[in-house]
Amino acid sequence: MSKLELKPCPLCGYEPEICQSEAYIGRDGHYFIQCAACAWVFGYQTDCGGIYSTPELAAKDWNKSISAIY
């Protein structure tokens, strides 16, 4: 998979990462975005982990949401 471009974290300006819920690594789904610097999380629910089925969907929603903030 090629690296998807993500807009910087709105809280600290650092580059976030696309992550996958630990229980689902190696399987499809459960992706979310997390900032490595301030640990802010986007698209994650405590009871089920990441809410996105693909990294591309997570990146698309992140970038769209961040654009609305700026």
PDB file of N, CA and C in Angstrom:
ATOM      1  N   MET A   1       0.852  -1.177   0.000  1.00  0.00           N
ATOM      2  CA  MET A   1       0.000   0.000   0.000  1.00  0.00           C
ATOM      3  C   MET A   1       0.891   1.232   0.000  1.00  0.00           C
ATOM      4  N   SER A   2       0.585   2.171  -0.858  1.00  0.00           N
ATOM      5  CA  SER A   2       1.349   3.421  -0.874  1.00  0.00           C
ATOM      6  C   SER A   2       0.915   4.283   0.308  1.00  0.00           C
ATOM      7  N   LYS A   3       1.807   5.153   0.723  1.00  0.00           N
ATOM      8  CA  LYS A   3       1.526   6.011   1.877  1.00  0.00           C
ATOM      9  C   LYS A   3       0.445   7.027   1.505  1.00  0.00           C
ATOM     10  N   LEU A   4      -0.586   7.079   2.302  1.00  0.00           N
ATOM     11  CA  LEU A   4      -1.668   8.028   2.081  1.00  0.00           C
ATOM     12  C   LEU A   4      -1.303   9.353   2.745  1.00  0.00           C
ATOM     13  N   GLU A   5      -1.610  10.436   2.082  1.00  0.00           N
ATOM     14  CA  GLU A   5      -1.309  11.752   2.646  1.00  0.00           C
ATOM     15  C   GLU A   5      -2.393  12.147   3.644  1.00  0.00           C
ATOM     16  N   LEU A   6      -1.946  12.595   4.809  1.00  0.00           N
ATOM     17  CA  LEU A   6      -2.854  13.061   5.852  1.00  0.00           C
ATOM     18  C   LEU A   6      -2.501  14.491   6.221  1.00  0.00           C
ATOM     19  N   LYS A   7      -3.528  15.286   6.446  1.00  0.00           N
ATOM     20  CA  LYS A   7      -3.301  16.655   6.910  1.00  0.00           C
ATOM     21  C   LYS A   7      -2.764  16.599   8.338  1.00  0.00           C
ATOM     22  N   PRO A   8      -2.030  17.626   8.757  1.00  0.00           N
ATOM     23  CA  PRO A   8      -1.462  17.613  10.113  1.00  0.00           C
ATOM     24  C   PRO A   8      -2.532  17.651  11.199  1.00  0.00           C
ATOM     25  N   CYS A   9      -2.146  17.184  12.373  1.00  0.00           N
ATOM     26  CA  CYS A   9      -3.023  17.186  13.541  1.00  0.00           C
ATOM     27  C   CYS A   9      -3.433  18.629  13.868  1.00  0.00           C
ATOM     28  N   PRO A  10      -4.726  18.880  14.076  1.00  0.00           N
ATOM     29  CA  PRO A  10      -5.155  20.245  14.387  1.00  0.00           C
ATOM     30  C   PRO A  10      -4.769  20.692  15.799  1.00  0.00           C
ATOM     31  N   LEU A  11      -4.406  19.771  16.656  1.00  0.00           N
ATOM     32  CA  LEU A  11      -4.040  20.137  18.028  1.00  0.00           C
ATOM     33  C   LEU A  11      -2.573  20.509  18.168  1.00  0.00           C
ATOM     34  N   CYS A  12      -1.691  19.749  17.482  1.00  0.00           N
ATOM     35  CA  CYS A  12      -0.259  19.990  17.681  1.00  0.00           C
ATOM     36  C   CYS A  12       0.516  20.241  16.390  1.00  0.00           C
ATOM     37  N   GLY A  13      -0.094  19.975  15.232  1.00  0.00           N
ATOM     38  CA  GLY A  13       0.564  20.211  13.962  1.00  0.00           C
ATOM     39  C   GLY A  13       1.443  19.073  13.478  1.00  0.00           C
ATOM     40  N   TYR A  14       1.527  17.990  14.245  1.00  0.00           N
ATOM     41  CA  TYR A  14       2.364  16.846  13.896  1.00  0.00           C
ATOM     42  C   TYR A  14       1.646  15.963  12.874  1.00  0.00           C
ATOM     43  N   GLU A  15       2.393  15.134  12.182  1.00  0.00           N
ATOM     44  CA  GLU A  15       1.803  14.242  11.185  1.00  0.00           C
ATOM     45  C   GLU A  15       1.181  13.014  11.853  1.00  0.00           C
ATOM     46  N   PRO A  16      -0.116  12.773  11.633  1.00  0.00           N
ATOM     47  CA  PRO A  16      -0.774  11.606  12.219  1.00  0.00           C
ATOM     48  C   PRO A  16      -0.469  10.337  11.429  1.00  0.00           C
ATOM     49  N   GLU A  17      -0.892   9.210  11.964  1.00  0.00           N
ATOM     50  CA  GLU A  17      -0.671   7.911  11.324  1.00  0.00           C
ATOM     51  C   GLU A  17      -1.995   7.169  11.206  1.00  0.00           C
ATOM     52  N   ILE A  18      -2.096   6.339  10.164  1.00  0.00           N
ATOM     53  CA  ILE A  18      -3.239   5.442  10.044  1.00  0.00           C
ATOM     54  C   ILE A  18      -2.886   4.190  10.835  1.00  0.00           C
ATOM     55  N   CYS A  19      -3.781   3.815  11.742  1.00  0.00           N
ATOM     56  CA  CYS A  19      -3.554   2.663  12.608  1.00  0.00           C
ATOM     57  C   CYS A  19      -4.676   1.657  12.417  1.00  0.00           C
ATOM     58  N   GLN A  20      -4.429   0.444  12.863  1.00  0.00           N
ATOM     59  CA  GLN A  20      -5.459  -0.578  12.843  1.00  0.00           C
ATOM     60  C   GLN A  20      -5.593  -1.133  14.257  1.00  0.00           C
ATOM     61  N   SER A  21      -6.829  -1.332  14.694  1.00  0.00           N
ATOM     62  CA  SER A  21      -7.057  -1.865  16.029  1.00  0.00           C
ATOM     63  C   SER A  21      -6.258  -3.141  16.218  1.00  0.00           C
ATOM     64  N   GLU A  22      -5.564  -3.245  17.329  1.00  0.00           N
ATOM     65  CA  GLU A  22      -4.615  -4.328  17.571  1.00  0.00           C
ATOM     66  C   GLU A  22      -5.232  -5.718  17.404  1.00  0.00           C
ATOM     67  N   ALA A  23      -6.448  -5.900  17.834  1.00  0.00           N
ATOM     68  CA  ALA A  23      -7.098  -7.206  17.735  1.00  0.00           C
ATOM     69  C   ALA A  23      -7.395  -7.609  16.290  1.00  0.00           C
ATOM     70  N   TYR A  24      -7.292  -6.664  15.362  1.00  0.00           N
ATOM     71  CA  TYR A  24      -7.655  -6.942  13.967  1.00  0.00           C
ATOM     72  C   TYR A  24      -6.481  -6.878  13.003  1.00  0.00           C
ATOM     73  N   ILE A  25      -5.272  -6.711  13.489  1.00  0.00           N
ATOM     74  CA  ILE A  25      -4.109  -6.635  12.607  1.00  0.00           C
ATOM     75  C   ILE A  25      -4.009  -7.927  11.800  1.00  0.00           C
ATOM     76  N   GLY A  26      -3.808  -7.781  10.507  1.00  0.00           N
ATOM     77  CA  GLY A  26      -3.752  -8.930   9.612  1.00  0.00           C
ATOM     78  C   GLY A  26      -5.098  -9.287   9.014  1.00  0.00           C
ATOM     79  N   ARG A  27      -6.153  -8.604   9.460  1.00  0.00           N
ATOM     80  CA  ARG A  27      -7.485  -8.822   8.910  1.00  0.00           C
ATOM     81  C   ARG A  27      -8.001  -7.492   8.373  1.00  0.00           C
ATOM     82  N   ASP A  28      -9.133  -7.526   7.698  1.00  0.00           N
ATOM     83  CA  ASP A  28      -9.708  -6.314   7.135  1.00  0.00           C
ATOM     84  C   ASP A  28     -10.383  -5.469   8.211  1.00  0.00           C
ATOM     85  N   GLY A  29     -10.356  -4.182   7.994  1.00  0.00           N
ATOM     86  CA  GLY A  29     -11.149  -3.254   8.783  1.00  0.00           C
ATOM     87  C   GLY A  29     -10.524  -2.759  10.068  1.00  0.00           C
ATOM     88  N   HIS A  30     -11.323  -1.959  10.766  1.00  0.00           N
ATOM     89  CA  HIS A  30     -10.989  -1.406  12.072  1.00  0.00           C
ATOM     90  C   HIS A  30      -9.803  -0.445  12.030  1.00  0.00           C
ATOM     91  N   TYR A  31      -9.811   0.468  11.048  1.00  0.00           N
ATOM     92  CA  TYR A  31      -8.759   1.483  10.916  1.00  0.00           C
ATOM     93  C   TYR A  31      -9.190   2.780  11.589  1.00  0.00           C
ATOM     94  N   PHE A  32      -8.212   3.531  12.075  1.00  0.00           N
ATOM     95  CA  PHE A  32      -8.456   4.837  12.673  1.00  0.00           C
ATOM     96  C   PHE A  32      -7.195   5.682  12.500  1.00  0.00           C
ATOM     97  N   ILE A  33      -7.273   6.948  12.857  1.00  0.00           N
ATOM     98  CA  ILE A  33      -6.139   7.872  12.747  1.00  0.00           C
ATOM     99  C   ILE A  33      -5.690   8.254  14.154  1.00  0.00           C
ATOM    100  N   GLN A  34      -4.372   8.284  14.375  1.00  0.00           N
ATOM    101  CA  GLN A  34      -3.846   8.724  15.671  1.00  0.00           C
ATOM    102  C   GLN A  34      -2.606   9.581  15.458  1.00  0.00           C
ATOM    103  N   CYS A  35      -2.531  10.663  16.206  1.00  0.00           N
ATOM    104  CA  CYS A  35      -1.354  11.516  16.176  1.00  0.00           C
ATOM    105  C   CYS A  35      -0.295  10.914  17.099  1.00  0.00           C
ATOM    106  N   ALA A  36       0.891  10.706  16.574  1.00  0.00           N
ATOM    107  CA  ALA A  36       1.965  10.104  17.357  1.00  0.00           C
ATOM    108  C   ALA A  36       2.513  11.069  18.408  1.00  0.00           C
ATOM    109  N   ALA A  37       2.331  12.364  18.209  1.00  0.00           N
ATOM    110  CA  ALA A  37       2.882  13.348  19.140  1.00  0.00           C
ATOM    111  C   ALA A  37       1.961  13.600  20.339  1.00  0.00           C
ATOM    112  N   CYS A  38       0.690  13.870  20.080  1.00  0.00           N
ATOM    113  CA  CYS A  38      -0.213  14.221  21.190  1.00  0.00           C
ATOM    114  C   CYS A  38      -1.221  13.118  21.511  1.00  0.00           C
ATOM    115  N   ALA A  39      -1.228  12.047  20.718  1.00  0.00           N
ATOM    116  CA  ALA A  39      -2.080  10.865  20.925  1.00  0.00           C
ATOM    117  C   ALA A  39      -3.570  11.126  20.679  1.00  0.00           C
ATOM    118  N   TRP A  40      -3.899  12.233  19.996  1.00  0.00           N
ATOM    119  CA  TRP A  40      -5.299  12.490  19.655  1.00  0.00           C
ATOM    120  C   TRP A  40      -5.763  11.414  18.680  1.00  0.00           C
ATOM    121  N   VAL A  41      -6.972  10.884  18.867  1.00  0.00           N
ATOM    122  CA  VAL A  41      -7.490   9.779  18.063  1.00  0.00           C
ATOM    123  C   VAL A  41      -8.750  10.221  17.337  1.00  0.00           C
ATOM    124  N   PHE A  42      -8.878   9.762  16.086  1.00  0.00           N
ATOM    125  CA  PHE A  42     -10.025  10.073  15.236  1.00  0.00           C
ATOM    126  C   PHE A  42     -10.548   8.765  14.657  1.00  0.00           C
ATOM    127  N   GLY A  43     -11.846   8.532  14.769  1.00  0.00           N
ATOM    128  CA  GLY A  43     -12.447   7.345  14.167  1.00  0.00           C
ATOM    129  C   GLY A  43     -12.258   6.086  14.981  1.00  0.00           C
ATOM    130  N   TYR A  44     -12.292   6.209  16.301  1.00  0.00           N
ATOM    131  CA  TYR A  44     -12.087   5.060  17.182  1.00  0.00           C
ATOM    132  C   TYR A  44     -13.189   5.029  18.226  1.00  0.00           C
ATOM    133  N   GLN A  45     -13.749   3.845  18.449  1.00  0.00           N
ATOM    134  CA  GLN A  45     -14.751   3.659  19.495  1.00  0.00           C
ATOM    135  C   GLN A  45     -14.232   2.619  20.474  1.00  0.00           C
ATOM    136  N   THR A  46     -14.363   2.887  21.738  1.00  0.00           N
ATOM    137  CA  THR A  46     -13.820   2.012  22.773  1.00  0.00           C
ATOM    138  C   THR A  46     -14.333   0.583  22.667  1.00  0.00           C
ATOM    139  N   ASP A  47     -15.585   0.395  22.330  1.00  0.00           N
ATOM    140  CA  ASP A  47     -16.156  -0.950  22.319  1.00  0.00           C
ATOM    141  C   ASP A  47     -15.812  -1.777  21.081  1.00  0.00           C
ATOM    142  N   CYS A  48     -15.406  -1.128  19.983  1.00  0.00           N
ATOM    143  CA  CYS A  48     -15.149  -1.916  18.769  1.00  0.00           C
ATOM    144  C   CYS A  48     -13.863  -1.540  18.046  1.00  0.00           C
ATOM    145  N   GLY A  49     -13.149  -0.570  18.537  1.00  0.00           N
ATOM    146  CA  GLY A  49     -11.898  -0.160  17.881  1.00  0.00           C
ATOM    147  C   GLY A  49     -12.155   0.806  16.744  1.00  0.00           C
ATOM    148  N   GLY A  50     -11.282   0.732  15.731  1.00  0.00           N
ATOM    149  CA  GLY A  50     -11.400   1.628  14.584  1.00  0.00           C
ATOM    150  C   GLY A  50     -12.686   1.406  13.822  1.00  0.00           C
ATOM    151  N   ILE A  51     -13.237   2.484  13.287  1.00  0.00           N
ATOM    152  CA  ILE A  51     -14.552   2.397  12.641  1.00  0.00           C
ATOM    153  C   ILE A  51     -14.484   2.332  11.117  1.00  0.00           C
ATOM    154  N   TYR A  52     -13.291   2.456  10.541  1.00  0.00           N
ATOM    155  CA  TYR A  52     -13.184   2.485   9.078  1.00  0.00           C
ATOM    156  C   TYR A  52     -12.774   1.135   8.510  1.00  0.00           C
ATOM    157  N   SER A  53     -13.396   0.759   7.394  1.00  0.00           N
ATOM    158  CA  SER A  53     -13.114  -0.537   6.786  1.00  0.00           C
ATOM    159  C   SER A  53     -11.821  -0.556   5.981  1.00  0.00           C
ATOM    160  N   THR A  54     -11.360   0.619   5.544  1.00  0.00           N
ATOM    161  CA  THR A  54     -10.104   0.690   4.792  1.00  0.00           C
ATOM    162  C   THR A  54      -9.291   1.899   5.254  1.00  0.00           C
ATOM    163  N   PRO A  55      -7.973   1.864   5.058  1.00  0.00           N
ATOM    164  CA  PRO A  55      -7.158   3.030   5.384  1.00  0.00           C
ATOM    165  C   PRO A  55      -7.529   4.238   4.530  1.00  0.00           C
ATOM    166  N   GLU A  56      -7.931   3.991   3.294  1.00  0.00           N
ATOM    167  CA  GLU A  56      -8.305   5.084   2.384  1.00  0.00           C
ATOM    168  C   GLU A  56      -9.522   5.848   2.900  1.00  0.00           C
ATOM    169  N   LEU A  57     -10.521   5.119   3.420  1.00  0.00           N
ATOM    170  CA  LEU A  57     -11.707   5.784   3.973  1.00  0.00           C
ATOM    171  C   LEU A  57     -11.350   6.594   5.221  1.00  0.00           C
ATOM    172  N   ALA A  58     -10.481   6.049   6.052  1.00  0.00           N
ATOM    173  CA  ALA A  58     -10.043   6.771   7.252  1.00  0.00           C
ATOM    174  C   ALA A  58      -9.340   8.066   6.859  1.00  0.00           C
ATOM    175  N   ALA A  59      -8.441   7.987   5.878  1.00  0.00           N
ATOM    176  CA  ALA A  59      -7.695   9.168   5.426  1.00  0.00           C
ATOM    177  C   ALA A  59      -8.631  10.205   4.814  1.00  0.00           C
ATOM    178  N   LYS A  60      -9.579   9.747   4.011  1.00  0.00           N
ATOM    179  CA  LYS A  60     -10.518  10.666   3.354  1.00  0.00           C
ATOM    180  C   LYS A  60     -11.335  11.447   4.388  1.00  0.00           C
ATOM    181  N   ASP A  61     -11.887  10.749   5.381  1.00  0.00           N
ATOM    182  CA  ASP A  61     -12.690  11.425   6.397  1.00  0.00           C
ATOM    183  C   ASP A  61     -11.845  12.327   7.285  1.00  0.00           C
ATOM    184  N   TRP A  62     -10.636  11.884   7.617  1.00  0.00           N
ATOM    185  CA  TRP A  62      -9.724  12.723   8.415  1.00  0.00           C
ATOM    186  C   TRP A  62      -9.463  14.034   7.690  1.00  0.00           C
ATOM    187  N   ASN A  63      -9.035  13.948   6.455  1.00  0.00           N
ATOM    188  CA  ASN A  63      -8.683  15.147   5.686  1.00  0.00           C
ATOM    189  C   ASN A  63      -9.897  16.072   5.514  1.00  0.00           C
ATOM    190  N   LYS A  64     -11.066  15.492   5.288  1.00  0.00           N
ATOM    191  CA  LYS A  64     -12.292  16.282   5.157  1.00  0.00           C
ATOM    192  C   LYS A  64     -12.624  16.990   6.487  1.00  0.00           C
ATOM    193  N   SER A  65     -12.513  16.286   7.583  1.00  0.00           N
ATOM    194  CA  SER A  65     -12.801  16.874   8.896  1.00  0.00           C
ATOM    195  C   SER A  65     -11.798  17.964   9.269  1.00  0.00           C
ATOM    196  N   ILE A  66     -10.542  17.731   8.980  1.00  0.00           N
ATOM    197  CA  ILE A  66      -9.506  18.716   9.297  1.00  0.00           C
ATOM    198  C   ILE A  66      -9.700  19.968   8.456  1.00  0.00           C
ATOM    199  N   SER A  67     -10.111  19.804   7.200  1.00  0.00           N
ATOM    200  CA  SER A  67     -10.365  20.962   6.332  1.00  0.00           C
ATOM    201  C   SER A  67     -11.482  21.820   6.912  1.00  0.00           C
ATOM    202  N   ALA A  68     -12.469  21.196   7.546  1.00  0.00           N
ATOM    203  CA  ALA A  68     -13.578  21.938   8.142  1.00  0.00           C
ATOM    204  C   ALA A  68     -13.114  22.743   9.370  1.00  0.00           C
ATOM    205  N   ILE A  69     -12.084  22.276  10.051  1.00  0.00           N
ATOM    206  CA  ILE A  69     -11.563  22.976  11.224  1.00  0.00           C
ATOM    207  C   ILE A  69     -10.804  24.229  10.812  1.00  0.00           C
ATOM    208  N   TYR A  70     -10.006  24.111   9.754  1.00  0.00           N
ATOM    209  CA  TYR A  70      -9.186  25.249   9.325  1.00  0.00           C
ATOM    210  C   TYR A  70     -10.009  26.141   8.477  1.00  0.00           C
TER     211      TYR A  70
END
